[in-house]
Amino acid sequence: MLHKGYPVPMDMLRSADGMAASAGENSSHGAATPDHAGPEGPSFAGELWQDVKYDVELKRNNIQHNFLKSNDLSDRKTPGWFQQYRYFLGSKQRLREARTQAVDFLILLLAGICLGSLAKVNDETFGSLGYTYTVIAVSLLCKIAALRSFALDKLQYRRESDSGMSSLAYFLSKDTVDHFNTIIKPLVYLSMFYFFNNPRSSVTDNYIVLVCLVYCVTGIAYALAIFLQPVQPSCCVDFITTTNNNNKFVDGLTDLCYTKWALEAFVIANAKRYEGVWLITRCGSLMASGYDLNHWYRCLICLILTGMLSHGIAFFCMVTFHNK
């Protein structure tokens, strides 16, 4: 170290016999003798700045690794995202355990029986009470079930992603498997709710609204499971956005929530079946609620767009943020 001009620590100089004197002569970068005080260490501000620079560089490297394609110096042929998607969908991805799926379906059946029996159809409100319960129950149950898709294997995703796995293929394969629940769960719920409640709207209209609603809340659950801890923090949102408030700020907030669109689509689908002497009552009830018969398709489009946006946010959070 002295020959090459490297700095020598004080403890090494003291332990070596006869090296302390030659250290000051041969090395200009060596430590000072005990009689001469050396330079002071870095200050707290300097150490803090170095830590900040290190964290920023680490984040930049992670973002470049996630979003930019790096050169493979090993000449290994990595399969594309579509081929990886087919692989995950065919071999890696499996439907949830039969017991867990059966429990989810059983809960939906019981919810349909209870809510269909308790919320009787009121011709003056077009069954809005039963539909309010439906939006709350289906939203919460489907969110809780969708939280398990990404909340349980974050560590496996980080390990596979660092080894070169395509994040897009992984996300799409998970989402494709959950599309089975998006199609089946509305049928399971309506099979009991429609039998005990018997609204005037058709099963097809209710099924279409529920499919759009389940797709919307599934994307929101993905984002919550990836970005936050595996809890159910969105429960209060469903109750707040399905209640009527006199506050203008809260009313404006509810107009931007998916529960408002789903409830409006349900009520409109049911109100269209009231004709003849019910026209005046239908117009007055819809006007009091702020609904329009021509907004049924707009509500469905808003639910689908919200689901697509939430899926995109969930994928962005999965690629960008790696929570422990």
Foldseek 3Di string as FASTA:
>chain_A
DLQVQDEDDPVVCVVDPPNLVVSVVRHPRYDHDPVDDDDDDDDPVVVVVVVVVVVVVVLVVLVCLLPPDDDDPVPDDDDDLVVLLCVCLPPVDDAPDPVVVVVLLVVLLVLLQVLLQPQAADLLQQSLVSLLSVLLVLLQSLLLVLLVLQQPCLVVVVVVVVVPHRLVSVLVSSVVSCVVCLQVSLVSNCVRNCVSHVFPFDSVLSSLLSSLSSLLSSLLSLQCSLQHHSDRPCSVVSVQLSDDDPDPVSVVVSVLDLSNLSSLLSSLSRLVSDDDPCPVSSVVSCVVVVHDNVCNVVSSVSSNVSSVVSNVSSSVSSSNDRDD
